PDB file of N, CA and C in Angstrom:
ATOM      1  N   MET A   1      85.959  78.203  92.758  1.00  0.00           N
ATOM      2  CA  MET A   1      86.103  77.639  94.315  1.00  0.00           C
ATOM      3  C   MET A   1      85.609  78.472  95.019  1.00  0.00           C
ATOM      4  N   HIS A   2      84.741  78.596  95.715  1.00  0.00           N
ATOM      5  CA  HIS A   2      84.576  79.723  96.573  1.00  0.00           C
ATOM      6  C   HIS A   2      84.992  80.053  97.707  1.00  0.00           C
ATOM      7  N   ARG A   3      84.975  81.172  98.163  1.00  0.00           N
ATOM      8  CA  ARG A   3      86.142  81.794  99.509  1.00  0.00           C
ATOM      9  C   ARG A   3      85.924  80.682 100.223  1.00  0.00           C
ATOM     10  N   GLU A   4      84.921  80.575 100.906  1.00  0.00           N
ATOM     11  CA  GLU A   4      84.792  79.747 101.990  1.00  0.00           C
ATOM     12  C   GLU A   4      85.147  78.223 101.944  1.00  0.00           C
ATOM     13  N   ASP A   5      85.166  77.585 100.831  1.00  0.00           N
ATOM     14  CA  ASP A   5      85.896  76.339 100.193  1.00  0.00           C
ATOM     15  C   ASP A   5      87.533  76.587 100.342  1.00  0.00           C
ATOM     16  N   LEU A   6      87.879  77.555  99.720  1.00  0.00           N
ATOM     17  CA  LEU A   6      89.731  77.463  99.748  1.00  0.00           C
ATOM     18  C   LEU A   6      89.651  77.688 100.743  1.00  0.00           C
ATOM     19  N   LEU A   7      89.088  78.550 101.682  1.00  0.00           N
ATOM     20  CA  LEU A   7      89.552  78.829 103.628  1.00  0.00           C
ATOM     21  C   LEU A   7      89.550  77.557 104.190  1.00  0.00           C
ATOM     22  N   ARG A   8      88.609  77.032 104.243  1.00  0.00           N
ATOM     23  CA  ARG A   8      88.180  75.422 104.951  1.00  0.00           C
ATOM     24  C   ARG A   8      89.509  74.292 104.071  1.00  0.00           C
ATOM     25  N   GLU A   9      89.639  74.520 102.857  1.00  0.00           N
ATOM     26  CA  GLU A   9      90.790  73.858 102.387  1.00  0.00           C
ATOM     27  C   GLU A   9      91.996  73.939 102.716  1.00  0.00           C
ATOM     28  N   VAL A  10      92.330  75.422 102.852  1.00  0.00           N
ATOM     29  CA  VAL A  10      93.435  75.585 103.441  1.00  0.00           C
ATOM     30  C   VAL A  10      93.770  75.287 104.894  1.00  0.00           C
ATOM     31  N   ALA A  11      92.491  75.406 105.821  1.00  0.00           N
ATOM     32  CA  ALA A  11      92.647  74.799 107.360  1.00  0.00           C
ATOM     33  C   ALA A  11      92.687  73.741 107.040  1.00  0.00           C
ATOM     34  N   ARG A  12      91.908  72.474 106.244  1.00  0.00           N
ATOM     35  CA  ARG A  12      92.837  71.157 106.009  1.00  0.00           C
ATOM     36  C   ARG A  12      94.134  70.948 105.864  1.00  0.00           C
ATOM     37  N   PHE A  13      94.360  71.360 104.939  1.00  0.00           N
ATOM     38  CA  PHE A  13      95.843  71.120 104.489  1.00  0.00           C
ATOM     39  C   PHE A  13      96.694  71.415 105.559  1.00  0.00           C
ATOM     40  N   PHE A  14      96.857  72.645 106.617  1.00  0.00           N
ATOM     41  CA  PHE A  14      97.461  72.920 107.451  1.00  0.00           C
ATOM     42  C   PHE A  14      97.190  72.162 108.497  1.00  0.00           C
ATOM     43  N   GLY A  15      96.114  71.590 108.542  1.00  0.00           N
ATOM     44  CA  GLY A  15      95.814  70.226 109.944  1.00  0.00           C
ATOM     45  C   GLY A  15      94.556  71.112 110.625  1.00  0.00           C
ATOM     46  N   TRP A  16      94.391  72.296 110.577  1.00  0.00           N
ATOM     47  CA  TRP A  16      93.590  73.179 111.634  1.00  0.00           C
ATOM     48  C   TRP A  16      92.240  72.356 111.975  1.00  0.00           C
ATOM     49  N   ALA A  17      91.825  72.329 112.900  1.00  0.00           N
ATOM     50  CA  ALA A  17      90.369  71.425 112.971  1.00  0.00           C
ATOM     51  C   ALA A  17      89.324  72.598 112.554  1.00  0.00           C
ATOM     52  N   ARG A  18      89.564  74.019 112.961  1.00  0.00           N
ATOM     53  CA  ARG A  18      89.104  75.271 112.702  1.00  0.00           C
ATOM     54  C   ARG A  18      89.685  76.514 112.377  1.00  0.00           C
ATOM     55  N   LEU A  19      89.049  77.645 111.797  1.00  0.00           N
ATOM     56  CA  LEU A  19      89.406  79.085 111.797  1.00  0.00           C
ATOM     57  C   LEU A  19      88.779  79.837 112.791  1.00  0.00           C
ATOM     58  N   GLY A  20      90.073  80.349 113.111  1.00  0.00           N
ATOM     59  CA  GLY A  20      89.773  81.599 114.202  1.00  0.00           C
ATOM     60  C   GLY A  20      90.005  82.686 113.524  1.00  0.00           C
ATOM     61  N   ALA A  21      89.148  83.356 114.337  1.00  0.00           N
ATOM     62  CA  ALA A  21      89.362  85.268 113.664  1.00  0.00           C
ATOM     63  C   ALA A  21      90.434  85.532 112.800  1.00  0.00           C
ATOM     64  N   ASP A  22      91.308  85.149 113.812  1.00  0.00           N
ATOM     65  CA  ASP A  22      92.596  85.742 113.389  1.00  0.00           C
ATOM     66  C   ASP A  22      93.083  85.038 111.962  1.00  0.00           C
ATOM     67  N   ILE A  23      93.197  84.132 112.196  1.00  0.00           N
ATOM     68  CA  ILE A  23      93.730  83.284 110.878  1.00  0.00           C
ATOM     69  C   ILE A  23      92.770  83.120 109.205  1.00  0.00           C
ATOM     70  N   ARG A  24      91.602  83.427 109.750  1.00  0.00           N
ATOM     71  CA  ARG A  24      90.360  83.859 108.639  1.00  0.00           C
ATOM     72  C   ARG A  24      90.599  85.328 107.981  1.00  0.00           C
ATOM     73  N   ASP A  25      91.039  86.104 109.192  1.00  0.00           N
ATOM     74  CA  ASP A  25      91.728  87.413 108.302  1.00  0.00           C
ATOM     75  C   ASP A  25      92.309  87.443 107.757  1.00  0.00           C
ATOM     76  N   ALA A  26      93.844  86.964 108.093  1.00  0.00           N
ATOM     77  CA  ALA A  26      95.094  86.679 107.685  1.00  0.00           C
ATOM     78  C   ALA A  26      94.907  85.956 106.088  1.00  0.00           C
ATOM     79  N   LEU A  27      94.162  85.015 105.892  1.00  0.00           N
ATOM     80  CA  LEU A  27      94.020  84.356 105.033  1.00  0.00           C
ATOM     81  C   LEU A  27      92.911  85.198 103.960  1.00  0.00           C
ATOM     82  N   THR A  28      92.174  85.637 104.676  1.00  0.00           N
ATOM     83  CA  THR A  28      90.979  86.650 103.354  1.00  0.00           C
ATOM     84  C   THR A  28      91.825  87.608 102.674  1.00  0.00           C
ATOM     85  N   GLY A  29      92.778  88.536 103.622  1.00  0.00           N
ATOM     86  CA  GLY A  29      93.617  89.106 102.907  1.00  0.00           C
ATOM     87  C   GLY A  29      94.520  88.685 102.084  1.00  0.00           C
ATOM     88  N   ASP A  30      95.075  87.618 102.276  1.00  0.00           N
ATOM     89  CA  ASP A  30      95.971  86.998 101.509  1.00  0.00           C
ATOM     90  C   ASP A  30      95.188  86.883  99.989  1.00  0.00           C
ATOM     91  N   ILE A  31      94.090  86.490 100.016  1.00  0.00           N
ATOM     92  CA  ILE A  31      93.570  86.030  98.806  1.00  0.00           C
ATOM     93  C   ILE A  31      93.075  87.358  98.134  1.00  0.00           C
ATOM     94  N   ASP A  32      92.804  88.420  98.845  1.00  0.00           N
ATOM     95  CA  ASP A  32      92.365  89.701  98.585  1.00  0.00           C
ATOM     96  C   ASP A  32      93.816  90.630  97.387  1.00  0.00           C
ATOM     97  N   ALA A  33      94.765  90.293  97.986  1.00  0.00           N
ATOM     98  CA  ALA A  33      95.995  90.706  97.455  1.00  0.00           C
ATOM     99  C   ALA A  33      96.507  89.722  96.451  1.00  0.00           C
ATOM    100  N   LEU A  34      95.856  88.387  96.030  1.00  0.00           N
ATOM    101  CA  LEU A  34      96.198  87.789  95.362  1.00  0.00           C
ATOM    102  C   LEU A  34      95.309  88.428  93.922  1.00  0.00           C
ATOM    103  N   ILE A  35      94.120  88.481  94.126  1.00  0.00           N
ATOM    104  CA  ILE A  35      92.943  89.437  93.217  1.00  0.00           C
ATOM    105  C   ILE A  35      93.462  90.555  92.943  1.00  0.00           C
ATOM    106  N   ALA A  36      94.094  91.328  93.570  1.00  0.00           N
ATOM    107  CA  ALA A  36      94.324  92.695  93.397  1.00  0.00           C
ATOM    108  C   ALA A  36      95.750  92.929  92.470  1.00  0.00           C
ATOM    109  N   ALA A  37      96.857  91.463  92.890  1.00  0.00           N
ATOM    110  CA  ALA A  37      97.973  91.555  92.312  1.00  0.00           C
ATOM    111  C   ALA A  37      97.315  90.992  90.507  1.00  0.00           C
ATOM    112  N   GLY A  38      96.320  90.567  90.569  1.00  0.00           N
ATOM    113  CA  GLY A  38      95.709  89.731  88.717  1.00  0.00           C
ATOM    114  C   GLY A  38      96.191  88.001  89.079  1.00  0.00           C
ATOM    115  N   TYR A  39      96.467  87.736  90.400  1.00  0.00           N
ATOM    116  CA  TYR A  39      96.732  86.127  90.210  1.00  0.00           C
ATOM    117  C   TYR A  39      95.337  85.538  90.299  1.00  0.00           C
ATOM    118  N   LEU A  40      94.265  86.426  91.159  1.00  0.00           N
ATOM    119  CA  LEU A  40      93.109  85.690  91.000  1.00  0.00           C
ATOM    120  C   LEU A  40      92.129  86.515  90.234  1.00  0.00           C
ATOM    121  N   ILE A  41      91.156  85.525  89.884  1.00  0.00           N
ATOM    122  CA  ILE A  41      89.953  86.488  89.676  1.00  0.00           C
ATOM    123  C   ILE A  41      88.977  86.070  90.707  1.00  0.00           C
ATOM    124  N   GLU A  42      87.804  86.495  91.123  1.00  0.00           N
ATOM    125  CA  GLU A  42      86.358  86.528  91.157  1.00  0.00           C
ATOM    126  C   GLU A  42      85.197  86.631  90.900  1.00  0.00           C
ATOM    127  N   SER A  43      84.419  86.017  90.574  1.00  0.00           N
ATOM    128  CA  SER A  43      83.126  86.002  89.723  1.00  0.00           C
ATOM    129  C   SER A  43      81.875  85.528  90.867  1.00  0.00           C
ATOM    130  N   GLU A  44      80.755  85.618  90.332  1.00  0.00           N
ATOM    131  CA  GLU A  44      79.910  85.091  91.175  1.00  0.00           C
ATOM    132  C   GLU A  44      79.904  83.171  91.225  1.00  0.00           C
ATOM    133  N   GLY A  45      80.597  82.993  90.481  1.00  0.00           N
ATOM    134  CA  GLY A  45      81.076  81.119  90.524  1.00  0.00           C
ATOM    135  C   GLY A  45      82.148  81.410  91.290  1.00  0.00           C
ATOM    136  N   GLY A  46      82.665  81.870  91.906  1.00  0.00           N
ATOM    137  CA  GLY A  46      84.070  81.928  92.864  1.00  0.00           C
ATOM    138  C   GLY A  46      85.283  82.178  92.073  1.00  0.00           C
ATOM    139  N   LEU A  47      86.327  81.860  92.966  1.00  0.00           N
ATOM    140  CA  LEU A  47      87.638  81.925  92.597  1.00  0.00           C
ATOM    141  C   LEU A  47      88.111  81.216  91.619  1.00  0.00           C
ATOM    142  N   MET A  48      88.917  81.653  90.443  1.00  0.00           N
ATOM    143  CA  MET A  48      89.849  81.102  89.678  1.00  0.00           C
ATOM    144  C   MET A  48      91.049  81.843  89.374  1.00  0.00           C
ATOM    145  N   TYR A  49      91.854  80.800  88.910  1.00  0.00           N
ATOM    146  CA  TYR A  49      93.189  81.067  88.441  1.00  0.00           C
ATOM    147  C   TYR A  49      93.215  82.083  87.228  1.00  0.00           C
ATOM    148  N   ALA A  50      93.953  83.200  87.440  1.00  0.00           N
ATOM    149  CA  ALA A  50      93.661  84.087  86.208  1.00  0.00           C
ATOM    150  C   ALA A  50      94.765  83.660  85.389  1.00  0.00           C
ATOM    151  N   GLU A  51      94.009  83.362  84.036  1.00  0.00           N
ATOM    152  CA  GLU A  51      95.058  82.728  82.807  1.00  0.00           C
ATOM    153  C   GLU A  51      96.292  84.205  82.808  1.00  0.00           C
ATOM    154  N   GLY A  52      97.356  83.362  82.356  1.00  0.00           N
ATOM    155  CA  GLY A  52      98.576  84.035  82.166  1.00  0.00           C
ATOM    156  C   GLY A  52      99.594  84.928  83.273  1.00  0.00           C
ATOM    157  N   SER A  53      98.807  84.659  84.546  1.00  0.00           N
ATOM    158  CA  SER A  53      99.592  84.740  85.303  1.00  0.00           C
ATOM    159  C   SER A  53     100.755  84.379  85.921  1.00  0.00           C
TER     160      SER A  53
END
């Protein structure tokens, strides 16, 4: 799943019609933290769950 798709799905899950800059920044920071912690892997194909996490 690509970052933009994930951000859009999170917004939809919470019932938000759009993502403001502050929400986008917070969610992007969360995604970056999950990548740094090894829970997600980012490649050209998008984000995916890291096996064994």
